[in-house]
Amino acid sequence: MLKAIQILGSSSGFVIQYWKPRNCTGQGLFSISIPSKSSLSLSLYSSLRIVPAQDISFVPKISVRRTRFRAFHASSTRSEPNPEGPSASSSSSSSSLALKSAAHVRNIKFCQWCGGSTKHDVPEGEERMRAICTICGKITYQNPKMVVGCLVEHDNKVLLCKRKIQPSYGLWTLPAGYLEIGESAVDGAIRETREEANADVEVLSPFVQLDIPIIGQTYIIFLAKLKKPHFSPGPESSDCRLFPLDDIPFNSLSFSSMVITLSLYVENMKAGRLRFHYGTINKRPGTSPSDIQAYTLDNHMQS
């Protein structure tokens, strides 16, 4: 499962074919095959409940740019000759990328290696703005963080936790948190669920991957089921509850990522088929980061 996620998240040199559930009616085997250069295949045994169509008018409408989730791969493009010469084109492209990257660079004042003061500039041979130490010359690279969690199903209900910490204190969320060094995405999702809801779960399959470039985060949420019907609030939660689909508190969710994940889940359950989703969350300019409705879901792909 982790290899499948890593392939999905790779930025170059990969080919992933259409994910096609072949047995997805009632109780039984849910098989997913991913033919690729490495002949990787994946079978996920899960109990997917197909429920009758129901009124889900309460589900928020997601503004999306929707794309079919078919074979896709990184590819290079051939440029047309530049009448101004290659140096002018390269310089213009580099300057544009540097300006764009500068907006997402945190103001790192001190070197993590020697403690010296830093300057923000584009290093020789690179195209992005970096924090460069003025003493030892080393670069402090900034990379996105991965958030992992579980959408726990039980008796046609989903498990939500009420946050006891900031941000979004007092709002509902799926149990999720930052992936730790040394653990897989699945292991991290199971750990976060145990920490926030005191629940032991079995992961069934990946459900959604959501990139949020403006804050440098990627969310991976897995479908899971309770091993035992026991749960209670952990140190970061003030309450934990199982919500029927038509009672999910969409107006009191903590983050846009939670709104999108749960909306897609309810939509899939209504259609009688659970899919894997990928998308990019972009906040609308001039809106508050805490406004959970001020977003668009772009580049939406699904199995």
C-alpha atoms as a PDB file:
ATOM      1  CA  MET A   1       0.000   0.000   0.000  1.00  0.00           C
ATOM      2  CA  LEU A   2       2.784   2.396   0.902  1.00  0.00           C
ATOM      3  CA  LYS A   3       4.519   1.760  -2.437  1.00  0.00           C
ATOM      4  CA  ALA A   4       1.328   2.653  -4.219  1.00  0.00           C
ATOM      5  CA  ILE A   5       1.110   5.920  -2.333  1.00  0.00           C
ATOM      6  CA  GLN A   6       4.776   6.698  -3.007  1.00  0.00           C
ATOM      7  CA  ILE A   7       4.268   6.145  -6.700  1.00  0.00           C
ATOM      8  CA  LEU A   8       1.252   8.417  -6.680  1.00  0.00           C
ATOM      9  CA  GLY A   9       3.266  11.106  -4.939  1.00  0.00           C
ATOM     10  CA  SER A  10       6.368  10.866  -7.100  1.00  0.00           C
ATOM     11  CA  SER A  11       7.152  13.983  -9.077  1.00  0.00           C
ATOM     12  CA  SER A  12       8.982  12.412 -12.005  1.00  0.00           C
ATOM     13  CA  GLY A  13       9.635   9.237 -13.888  1.00  0.00           C
ATOM     14  CA  PHE A  14       6.554   7.253 -12.989  1.00  0.00           C
ATOM     15  CA  VAL A  15       3.643   5.679 -14.759  1.00  0.00           C
ATOM     16  CA  ILE A  16       0.489   4.697 -12.929  1.00  0.00           C
ATOM     17  CA  GLN A  17      -2.330   2.996 -14.741  1.00  0.00           C
ATOM     18  CA  TYR A  18      -6.073   3.337 -14.122  1.00  0.00           C
ATOM     19  CA  TRP A  19      -7.128   1.918 -10.758  1.00  0.00           C
ATOM     20  CA  LYS A  20     -10.065  -0.349 -11.523  1.00  0.00           C
ATOM     21  CA  PRO A  21     -12.026  -1.991  -8.684  1.00  0.00           C
ATOM     22  CA  ARG A  22     -13.051  -5.376 -10.092  1.00  0.00           C
ATOM     23  CA  ASN A  23     -15.122  -6.840  -7.281  1.00  0.00           C
ATOM     24  CA  CYS A  24     -16.976  -4.178  -5.357  1.00  0.00           C
ATOM     25  CA  THR A  25     -20.493  -5.451  -4.699  1.00  0.00           C
ATOM     26  CA  GLY A  26     -21.689  -6.288  -1.209  1.00  0.00           C
ATOM     27  CA  GLN A  27     -19.291  -7.973   1.174  1.00  0.00           C
ATOM     28  CA  GLY A  28     -16.134  -9.458  -0.255  1.00  0.00           C
ATOM     29  CA  LEU A  29     -12.864  -8.914  -2.019  1.00  0.00           C
ATOM     30  CA  PHE A  30     -11.944  -5.446  -3.236  1.00  0.00           C
ATOM     31  CA  SER A  31      -9.068  -5.891  -5.681  1.00  0.00           C
ATOM     32  CA  ILE A  32      -7.003  -3.068  -7.114  1.00  0.00           C
ATOM     33  CA  SER A  33      -4.331  -3.714  -9.719  1.00  0.00           C
ATOM     34  CA  ILE A  34      -1.705  -1.197 -10.749  1.00  0.00           C
ATOM     35  CA  PRO A  35       0.191  -2.400 -13.806  1.00  0.00           C
ATOM     36  CA  SER A  36       3.422  -0.488 -14.181  1.00  0.00           C
ATOM     37  CA  LYS A  37       7.012  -0.906 -15.272  1.00  0.00           C
ATOM     38  CA  SER A  38       7.687  -2.708 -12.018  1.00  0.00           C
ATOM     39  CA  SER A  39       4.585  -4.908 -12.468  1.00  0.00           C
ATOM     40  CA  LEU A  40       3.417  -3.764  -9.058  1.00  0.00           C
ATOM     41  CA  SER A  41       0.020  -5.060  -7.995  1.00  0.00           C
ATOM     42  CA  LEU A  42      -2.022  -4.526  -4.866  1.00  0.00           C
ATOM     43  CA  SER A  43      -4.957  -6.429  -3.395  1.00  0.00           C
ATOM     44  CA  LEU A  44      -6.873  -4.904  -0.548  1.00  0.00           C
ATOM     45  CA  TYR A  45      -9.270  -7.070   1.427  1.00  0.00           C
ATOM     46  CA  SER A  46     -11.979  -4.880   2.838  1.00  0.00           C
ATOM     47  CA  SER A  47     -15.646  -4.906   3.715  1.00  0.00           C
ATOM     48  CA  LEU A  48     -17.195  -2.167   1.639  1.00  0.00           C
ATOM     49  CA  ARG A  49     -20.831  -1.595   2.457  1.00  0.00           C
ATOM     50  CA  ILE A  50     -22.995  -0.552  -0.461  1.00  0.00           C
ATOM     51  CA  VAL A  51     -25.843   1.537   0.881  1.00  0.00           C
ATOM     52  CA  PRO A  52     -29.057   2.597  -0.847  1.00  0.00           C
ATOM     53  CA  ALA A  53     -29.171   6.005  -2.466  1.00  0.00           C
ATOM     54  CA  GLN A  54     -30.127   8.676   0.010  1.00  0.00           C
ATOM     55  CA  ASP A  55     -30.687  12.384   0.167  1.00  0.00           C
ATOM     56  CA  ILE A  56     -27.301  14.067   0.649  1.00  0.00           C
ATOM     57  CA  SER A  57     -28.371  17.614  -0.050  1.00  0.00           C
ATOM     58  CA  PHE A  58     -26.615  18.531   3.178  1.00  0.00           C
ATOM     59  CA  VAL A  59     -23.210  17.732   1.684  1.00  0.00           C
ATOM     60  CA  PRO A  60     -21.301  20.901   0.714  1.00  0.00           C
ATOM     61  CA  LYS A  61     -20.854  21.428  -3.001  1.00  0.00           C
ATOM     62  CA  ILE A  62     -17.180  21.185  -3.865  1.00  0.00           C
ATOM     63  CA  SER A  63     -15.873  23.528  -6.534  1.00  0.00           C
ATOM     64  CA  VAL A  64     -13.660  21.257  -8.592  1.00  0.00           C
ATOM     65  CA  ARG A  65     -11.712  20.963 -11.785  1.00  0.00           C
ATOM     66  CA  ARG A  66     -12.463  17.277 -12.349  1.00  0.00           C
ATOM     67  CA  THR A  67     -10.236  14.892 -14.302  1.00  0.00           C
ATOM     68  CA  ARG A  68     -10.573  11.175 -14.943  1.00  0.00           C
ATOM     69  CA  PHE A  69      -7.955   9.213 -13.017  1.00  0.00           C
ATOM     70  CA  ARG A  70      -6.318   7.380 -15.909  1.00  0.00           C
ATOM     71  CA  ALA A  71      -2.701   6.581 -16.785  1.00  0.00           C
ATOM     72  CA  PHE A  72      -0.506   9.580 -16.250  1.00  0.00           C
ATOM     73  CA  HIS A  73       3.222  10.142 -16.198  1.00  0.00           C
ATOM     74  CA  ALA A  74       5.806  12.850 -15.932  1.00  0.00           C
ATOM     75  CA  SER A  75       7.016  13.937 -19.324  1.00  0.00           C
ATOM     76  CA  SER A  76       9.472  16.397 -20.744  1.00  0.00           C
ATOM     77  CA  THR A  77       8.487  18.970 -23.351  1.00  0.00           C
ATOM     78  CA  ARG A  78      10.482  20.222 -26.298  1.00  0.00           C
ATOM     79  CA  SER A  79      10.815  23.993 -26.498  1.00  0.00           C
ATOM     80  CA  GLU A  80      10.598  25.948 -29.725  1.00  0.00           C
ATOM     81  CA  PRO A  81      13.659  27.977 -30.698  1.00  0.00           C
ATOM     82  CA  ASN A  82      13.844  31.284 -28.870  1.00  0.00           C
ATOM     83  CA  PRO A  83      14.603  34.261 -31.135  1.00  0.00           C
ATOM     84  CA  GLU A  84      16.150  36.101 -28.197  1.00  0.00           C
ATOM     85  CA  GLY A  85      18.540  33.270 -27.469  1.00  0.00           C
ATOM     86  CA  PRO A  86      18.488  30.545 -24.783  1.00  0.00           C
ATOM     87  CA  SER A  87      19.989  32.729 -22.073  1.00  0.00           C
ATOM     88  CA  ALA A  88      17.100  35.227 -22.172  1.00  0.00           C
ATOM     89  CA  SER A  89      14.489  32.461 -21.976  1.00  0.00           C
ATOM     90  CA  SER A  90      16.306  30.680 -19.147  1.00  0.00           C
ATOM     91  CA  SER A  91      16.795  33.894 -17.197  1.00  0.00           C
ATOM     92  CA  SER A  92      13.124  34.863 -17.516  1.00  0.00           C
ATOM     93  CA  SER A  93      11.942  31.409 -16.443  1.00  0.00           C
ATOM     94  CA  SER A  94      14.314  31.311 -13.472  1.00  0.00           C
ATOM     95  CA  SER A  95      13.298  34.771 -12.289  1.00  0.00           C
ATOM     96  CA  SER A  96       9.615  33.863 -12.500  1.00  0.00           C
ATOM     97  CA  LEU A  97      10.115  30.671 -10.486  1.00  0.00           C
ATOM     98  CA  ALA A  98      12.264  32.462  -7.911  1.00  0.00           C
ATOM     99  CA  LEU A  99       9.604  35.117  -7.365  1.00  0.00           C
ATOM    100  CA  LYS A 100       6.899  32.456  -7.068  1.00  0.00           C
ATOM    101  CA  SER A 101       8.901  30.379  -4.593  1.00  0.00           C
ATOM    102  CA  ALA A 102       9.743  33.423  -2.478  1.00  0.00           C
ATOM    103  CA  ALA A 103       6.094  33.759  -1.472  1.00  0.00           C
ATOM    104  CA  HIS A 104       6.236  30.316   0.157  1.00  0.00           C
ATOM    105  CA  VAL A 105       9.604  30.636   1.908  1.00  0.00           C
ATOM    106  CA  ARG A 106       9.459  30.877   5.671  1.00  0.00           C
ATOM    107  CA  ASN A 107      11.642  33.586   7.156  1.00  0.00           C
ATOM    108  CA  ILE A 108      14.444  31.406   8.545  1.00  0.00           C
ATOM    109  CA  LYS A 109      16.814  33.765  10.346  1.00  0.00           C
ATOM    110  CA  PHE A 110      19.427  31.345  11.667  1.00  0.00           C
ATOM    111  CA  CYS A 111      21.334  28.388  10.219  1.00  0.00           C
ATOM    112  CA  GLN A 112      20.312  24.988  11.602  1.00  0.00           C
ATOM    113  CA  TRP A 113      23.899  23.793  11.253  1.00  0.00           C
ATOM    114  CA  CYS A 114      26.065  26.502  12.859  1.00  0.00           C
ATOM    115  CA  GLY A 115      23.580  29.066  14.159  1.00  0.00           C
ATOM    116  CA  GLY A 116      24.827  31.805  11.867  1.00  0.00           C
ATOM    117  CA  SER A 117      22.500  34.397  10.355  1.00  0.00           C
ATOM    118  CA  THR A 118      20.955  33.620   6.988  1.00  0.00           C
ATOM    119  CA  LYS A 119      20.124  35.498   3.817  1.00  0.00           C
ATOM    120  CA  HIS A 120      17.373  34.607   1.364  1.00  0.00           C
ATOM    121  CA  ASP A 121      18.616  34.276  -2.179  1.00  0.00           C
ATOM    122  CA  VAL A 122      18.673  31.925  -5.167  1.00  0.00           C
ATOM    123  CA  PRO A 123      21.807  29.725  -4.890  1.00  0.00           C
ATOM    124  CA  GLU A 124      23.976  29.268  -7.944  1.00  0.00           C
ATOM    125  CA  GLY A 125      22.664  26.449 -10.089  1.00  0.00           C
ATOM    126  CA  GLU A 126      19.199  26.526  -8.515  1.00  0.00           C
ATOM    127  CA  GLU A 127      15.962  28.305  -9.366  1.00  0.00           C
ATOM    128  CA  ARG A 128      14.205  28.707  -6.017  1.00  0.00           C
ATOM    129  CA  MET A 129      14.667  31.129  -3.152  1.00  0.00           C
ATOM    130  CA  ARG A 130      16.523  29.493  -0.250  1.00  0.00           C
ATOM    131  CA  ALA A 131      17.748  30.378   3.239  1.00  0.00           C
ATOM    132  CA  ILE A 132      21.546  30.468   2.927  1.00  0.00           C
ATOM    133  CA  CYS A 133      23.881  30.735   5.919  1.00  0.00           C
ATOM    134  CA  THR A 134      26.178  33.759   5.727  1.00  0.00           C
ATOM    135  CA  ILE A 135      28.803  31.967   7.864  1.00  0.00           C
ATOM    136  CA  CYS A 136      29.085  28.351   6.659  1.00  0.00           C
ATOM    137  CA  GLY A 137      27.223  28.754   3.375  1.00  0.00           C
ATOM    138  CA  LYS A 138      24.917  25.765   3.956  1.00  0.00           C
ATOM    139  CA  ILE A 139      21.311  25.874   2.762  1.00  0.00           C
ATOM    140  CA  THR A 140      18.286  25.179   4.947  1.00  0.00           C
ATOM    141  CA  TYR A 141      15.825  23.436   2.656  1.00  0.00           C
ATOM    142  CA  GLN A 142      12.114  23.649   3.379  1.00  0.00           C
ATOM    143  CA  ASN A 143       9.965  20.687   2.391  1.00  0.00           C
ATOM    144  CA  PRO A 144       6.238  19.958   2.701  1.00  0.00           C
ATOM    145  CA  LYS A 145       4.902  18.041   5.707  1.00  0.00           C
ATOM    146  CA  MET A 146       2.736  14.939   5.383  1.00  0.00           C
ATOM    147  CA  VAL A 147      -0.461  14.613   7.416  1.00  0.00           C
ATOM    148  CA  VAL A 148      -1.936  11.111   7.742  1.00  0.00           C
ATOM    149  CA  GLY A 149      -5.161   9.912   9.287  1.00  0.00           C
ATOM    150  CA  CYS A 150      -8.110   7.551   9.158  1.00  0.00           C
ATOM    151  CA  LEU A 151     -11.708   7.771   8.053  1.00  0.00           C
ATOM    152  CA  VAL A 152     -13.050   5.113  10.420  1.00  0.00           C
ATOM    153  CA  GLU A 153     -16.253   3.339   9.366  1.00  0.00           C
ATOM    154  CA  HIS A 154     -18.497   1.512  11.845  1.00  0.00           C
ATOM    155  CA  ASP A 155     -22.167   0.553  11.393  1.00  0.00           C
ATOM    156  CA  ASN A 156     -22.564   2.993   8.483  1.00  0.00           C
ATOM    157  CA  LYS A 157     -21.186   5.796  10.667  1.00  0.00           C
ATOM    158  CA  VAL A 158     -17.877   7.672  10.736  1.00  0.00           C
ATOM    159  CA  LEU A 159     -15.715   8.457  13.758  1.00  0.00           C
ATOM    160  CA  LEU A 160     -14.979  12.145  14.412  1.00  0.00           C
ATOM    161  CA  CYS A 161     -13.002  13.853  17.179  1.00  0.00           C
ATOM    162  CA  LYS A 162     -13.627  17.312  18.630  1.00  0.00           C
ATOM    163  CA  ARG A 163     -10.334  19.211  18.802  1.00  0.00           C
ATOM    164  CA  LYS A 164      -9.078  20.221  22.237  1.00  0.00           C
ATOM    165  CA  ILE A 165      -6.134  22.182  20.823  1.00  0.00           C
ATOM    166  CA  GLN A 166      -5.541  25.084  18.458  1.00  0.00           C
ATOM    167  CA  PRO A 167      -5.965  25.645  15.611  1.00  0.00           C
ATOM    168  CA  SER A 168      -9.706  25.014  15.174  1.00  0.00           C
ATOM    169  CA  TYR A 169     -10.316  24.410  18.884  1.00  0.00           C
ATOM    170  CA  GLY A 170     -13.760  22.884  19.503  1.00  0.00           C
ATOM    171  CA  LEU A 171     -14.345  21.828  15.878  1.00  0.00           C
ATOM    172  CA  TRP A 172     -14.729  18.302  14.525  1.00  0.00           C
ATOM    173  CA  THR A 173     -12.070  16.425  12.582  1.00  0.00           C
ATOM    174  CA  LEU A 174     -11.002  12.998  11.460  1.00  0.00           C
ATOM    175  CA  PRO A 175      -8.197  11.597  13.646  1.00  0.00           C
ATOM    176  CA  ALA A 176      -5.060  12.715  11.813  1.00  0.00           C
ATOM    177  CA  GLY A 177      -1.675  14.316  12.385  1.00  0.00           C
ATOM    178  CA  TYR A 178       1.895  14.693  11.167  1.00  0.00           C
ATOM    179  CA  LEU A 179       3.773  11.625   9.985  1.00  0.00           C
ATOM    180  CA  GLU A 180       6.829  10.872  12.123  1.00  0.00           C
ATOM    181  CA  ILE A 181      10.312   9.952  10.905  1.00  0.00           C
ATOM    182  CA  GLY A 182      10.725   6.180  10.761  1.00  0.00           C
ATOM    183  CA  GLU A 183       7.089   5.210  10.219  1.00  0.00           C
ATOM    184  CA  SER A 184       5.040   4.457   7.123  1.00  0.00           C
ATOM    185  CA  ALA A 185       1.952   6.454   6.191  1.00  0.00           C
ATOM    186  CA  VAL A 186      -0.239   3.538   7.310  1.00  0.00           C
ATOM    187  CA  ASP A 187       1.571   3.221  10.645  1.00  0.00           C
ATOM    188  CA  GLY A 188       1.267   6.962  11.235  1.00  0.00           C
ATOM    189  CA  ALA A 189      -2.466   6.975  10.472  1.00  0.00           C
ATOM    190  CA  ILE A 190      -3.048   4.085  12.899  1.00  0.00           C
ATOM    191  CA  ARG A 191      -0.964   5.829  15.592  1.00  0.00           C
ATOM    192  CA  GLU A 192      -2.799   9.149  15.208  1.00  0.00           C
ATOM    193  CA  THR A 193      -6.157   7.388  15.492  1.00  0.00           C
ATOM    194  CA  ARG A 194      -5.015   5.658  18.666  1.00  0.00           C
ATOM    195  CA  GLU A 195      -3.682   8.910  20.139  1.00  0.00           C
ATOM    196  CA  GLU A 196      -6.702  11.074  19.331  1.00  0.00           C
ATOM    197  CA  ALA A 197      -9.542   8.578  19.759  1.00  0.00           C
ATOM    198  CA  ASN A 198      -8.045   5.706  21.818  1.00  0.00           C
ATOM    199  CA  ALA A 199      -9.201   3.445  18.990  1.00  0.00           C
ATOM    200  CA  ASP A 200      -7.404   0.456  17.485  1.00  0.00           C
ATOM    201  CA  VAL A 201      -8.147   0.256  13.777  1.00  0.00           C
ATOM    202  CA  GLU A 202      -7.399  -1.863  10.735  1.00  0.00           C
ATOM    203  CA  VAL A 203      -6.576   0.116   7.602  1.00  0.00           C
ATOM    204  CA  LEU A 204      -8.566  -1.069   4.563  1.00  0.00           C
ATOM    205  CA  SER A 205      -7.403   1.114   1.685  1.00  0.00           C
ATOM    206  CA  PRO A 206      -6.202   4.624   0.784  1.00  0.00           C
ATOM    207  CA  PHE A 207      -9.114   6.976   0.161  1.00  0.00           C
ATOM    208  CA  VAL A 208      -7.820  10.465  -0.583  1.00  0.00           C
ATOM    209  CA  GLN A 209      -4.609  12.409  -1.135  1.00  0.00           C
ATOM    210  CA  LEU A 210      -4.947  16.194  -0.938  1.00  0.00           C
ATOM    211  CA  ASP A 211      -2.085  18.604  -1.579  1.00  0.00           C
ATOM    212  CA  ILE A 212      -2.263  22.086  -0.010  1.00  0.00           C
ATOM    213  CA  PRO A 213       0.651  24.011  -1.585  1.00  0.00           C
ATOM    214  CA  ILE A 214      -0.030  27.324   0.180  1.00  0.00           C
ATOM    215  CA  ILE A 215       0.785  25.789   3.593  1.00  0.00           C
ATOM    216  CA  GLY A 216       3.183  23.083   2.376  1.00  0.00           C
ATOM    217  CA  GLN A 217       1.127  20.063   3.460  1.00  0.00           C
ATOM    218  CA  THR A 218      -0.082  16.824   1.895  1.00  0.00           C
ATOM    219  CA  TYR A 219      -2.949  14.876   3.454  1.00  0.00           C
ATOM    220  CA  ILE A 220      -3.324  11.117   3.021  1.00  0.00           C
ATOM    221  CA  ILE A 221      -6.479   9.687   4.574  1.00  0.00           C
ATOM    222  CA  PHE A 222      -7.116   5.941   4.739  1.00  0.00           C
ATOM    223  CA  LEU A 223     -10.385   4.060   5.089  1.00  0.00           C
ATOM    224  CA  ALA A 224     -10.294   1.982   8.262  1.00  0.00           C
ATOM    225  CA  LYS A 225     -12.513  -0.053  10.562  1.00  0.00           C
ATOM    226  CA  LEU A 226     -12.547  -0.512  14.324  1.00  0.00           C
ATOM    227  CA  LYS A 227     -10.968  -3.722  15.585  1.00  0.00           C
ATOM    228  CA  LYS A 228     -13.135  -3.389  18.693  1.00  0.00           C
ATOM    229  CA  PRO A 229     -16.108  -1.026  19.141  1.00  0.00           C
ATOM    230  CA  HIS A 230     -14.268   0.998  21.781  1.00  0.00           C
ATOM    231  CA  PHE A 231     -13.066   4.599  21.583  1.00  0.00           C
ATOM    232  CA  SER A 232     -12.729   7.638  23.835  1.00  0.00           C
ATOM    233  CA  PRO A 233     -11.171  11.135  23.673  1.00  0.00           C
ATOM    234  CA  GLY A 234      -7.380  11.262  23.720  1.00  0.00           C
ATOM    235  CA  PRO A 235      -5.295  14.141  25.144  1.00  0.00           C
ATOM    236  CA  GLU A 236      -5.917  16.350  22.072  1.00  0.00           C
ATOM    237  CA  SER A 237      -9.662  15.629  21.876  1.00  0.00           C
ATOM    238  CA  SER A 238     -12.554  16.729  24.082  1.00  0.00           C
ATOM    239  CA  ASP A 239     -15.077  14.334  22.526  1.00  0.00           C
ATOM    240  CA  CYS A 240     -15.301  11.425  20.078  1.00  0.00           C
ATOM    241  CA  ARG A 241     -18.492  10.266  18.363  1.00  0.00           C
ATOM    242  CA  LEU A 242     -19.790   8.077  15.571  1.00  0.00           C
ATOM    243  CA  PHE A 243     -21.878  10.155  13.151  1.00  0.00           C
ATOM    244  CA  PRO A 244     -24.432   8.808  10.667  1.00  0.00           C
ATOM    245  CA  LEU A 245     -23.828  10.224   7.193  1.00  0.00           C
ATOM    246  CA  ASP A 246     -26.758  12.633   7.386  1.00  0.00           C
ATOM    247  CA  ASP A 247     -25.607  13.966  10.770  1.00  0.00           C
ATOM    248  CA  ILE A 248     -22.002  14.825   9.915  1.00  0.00           C
ATOM    249  CA  PRO A 249     -21.457  18.393  11.229  1.00  0.00           C
ATOM    250  CA  PHE A 250     -20.196  19.940   7.979  1.00  0.00           C
ATOM    251  CA  ASN A 251     -20.574  23.486   9.323  1.00  0.00           C
ATOM    252  CA  SER A 252     -18.411  22.662  12.347  1.00  0.00           C
ATOM    253  CA  LEU A 253     -15.496  20.857  10.717  1.00  0.00           C
ATOM    254  CA  SER A 254     -11.949  21.963  11.475  1.00  0.00           C
ATOM    255  CA  PHE A 255     -10.301  22.250   8.058  1.00  0.00           C
ATOM    256  CA  SER A 256     -11.122  22.406   4.350  1.00  0.00           C
ATOM    257  CA  SER A 257      -9.356  19.050   3.935  1.00  0.00           C
ATOM    258  CA  MET A 258     -11.910  17.481   6.284  1.00  0.00           C
ATOM    259  CA  VAL A 259     -14.837  19.061   4.412  1.00  0.00           C
ATOM    260  CA  ILE A 260     -13.561  17.688   1.104  1.00  0.00           C
ATOM    261  CA  THR A 261     -12.707  14.213   2.429  1.00  0.00           C
ATOM    262  CA  LEU A 262     -16.068  13.687   4.101  1.00  0.00           C
ATOM    263  CA  SER A 263     -18.007  15.204   1.190  1.00  0.00           C
ATOM    264  CA  LEU A 264     -16.319  12.833  -1.257  1.00  0.00           C
ATOM    265  CA  TYR A 265     -16.980   9.904   1.080  1.00  0.00           C
ATOM    266  CA  VAL A 266     -20.704  10.657   1.369  1.00  0.00           C
ATOM    267  CA  GLU A 267     -20.917  11.212  -2.394  1.00  0.00           C
ATOM    268  CA  ASN A 268     -19.268   7.822  -3.018  1.00  0.00           C
ATOM    269  CA  MET A 269     -21.504   6.036  -0.527  1.00  0.00           C
ATOM    270  CA  LYS A 270     -24.577   7.479  -2.235  1.00  0.00           C
ATOM    271  CA  ALA A 271     -23.292   6.235  -5.604  1.00  0.00           C
ATOM    272  CA  GLY A 272     -22.601   2.800  -4.104  1.00  0.00           C
ATOM    273  CA  ARG A 273     -18.919   2.797  -5.030  1.00  0.00           C
ATOM    274  CA  LEU A 274     -15.905   3.995  -3.065  1.00  0.00           C
ATOM    275  CA  ARG A 275     -13.132   5.530  -5.168  1.00  0.00           C
ATOM    276  CA  PHE A 276      -9.604   6.783  -4.581  1.00  0.00           C
ATOM    277  CA  HIS A 277      -9.306  10.570  -4.947  1.00  0.00           C
ATOM    278  CA  TYR A 278      -6.446  12.986  -5.568  1.00  0.00           C
ATOM    279  CA  GLY A 279      -6.722  16.767  -5.650  1.00  0.00           C
ATOM    280  CA  THR A 280      -5.104  20.120  -4.892  1.00  0.00           C
ATOM    281  CA  ILE A 281      -6.728  22.476  -2.389  1.00  0.00           C
ATOM    282  CA  ASN A 282      -6.268  26.136  -3.303  1.00  0.00           C
ATOM    283  CA  LYS A 283      -7.525  28.843  -0.970  1.00  0.00           C
ATOM    284  CA  ARG A 284      -9.270  31.776  -2.603  1.00  0.00           C
ATOM    285  CA  PRO A 285      -7.134  34.974  -2.540  1.00  0.00           C
ATOM    286  CA  GLY A 286      -7.929  37.399   0.253  1.00  0.00           C
ATOM    287  CA  THR A 287      -9.732  34.855   2.452  1.00  0.00           C
ATOM    288  CA  SER A 288      -8.793  33.696   5.918  1.00  0.00           C
ATOM    289  CA  PRO A 289      -6.965  30.355   6.255  1.00  0.00           C
ATOM    290  CA  SER A 290      -9.563  29.409   8.880  1.00  0.00           C
ATOM    291  CA  ASP A 291     -12.449  29.844   6.437  1.00  0.00           C
ATOM    292  CA  ILE A 292     -13.184  26.182   5.655  1.00  0.00           C
ATOM    293  CA  GLN A 293     -15.391  27.041   2.671  1.00  0.00           C
ATOM    294  CA  ALA A 294     -12.990  29.460   0.939  1.00  0.00           C
ATOM    295  CA  TYR A 295     -11.305  26.993  -1.394  1.00  0.00           C
ATOM    296  CA  THR A 296     -11.414  25.237  -4.724  1.00  0.00           C
ATOM    297  CA  LEU A 297     -10.494  21.601  -5.304  1.00  0.00           C
ATOM    298  CA  ASP A 298      -8.376  21.600  -8.450  1.00  0.00           C
ATOM    299  CA  ASN A 299      -6.872  18.767 -10.501  1.00  0.00           C
ATOM    300  CA  HIS A 300      -9.368  16.328  -9.026  1.00  0.00           C
ATOM    301  CA  MET A 301      -8.642  12.773 -10.199  1.00  0.00           C
ATOM    302  CA  GLN A 302     -10.461   9.657  -9.104  1.00  0.00           C
ATOM    303  CA  SER A 303     -10.330   5.920  -9.701  1.00  0.00           C
END
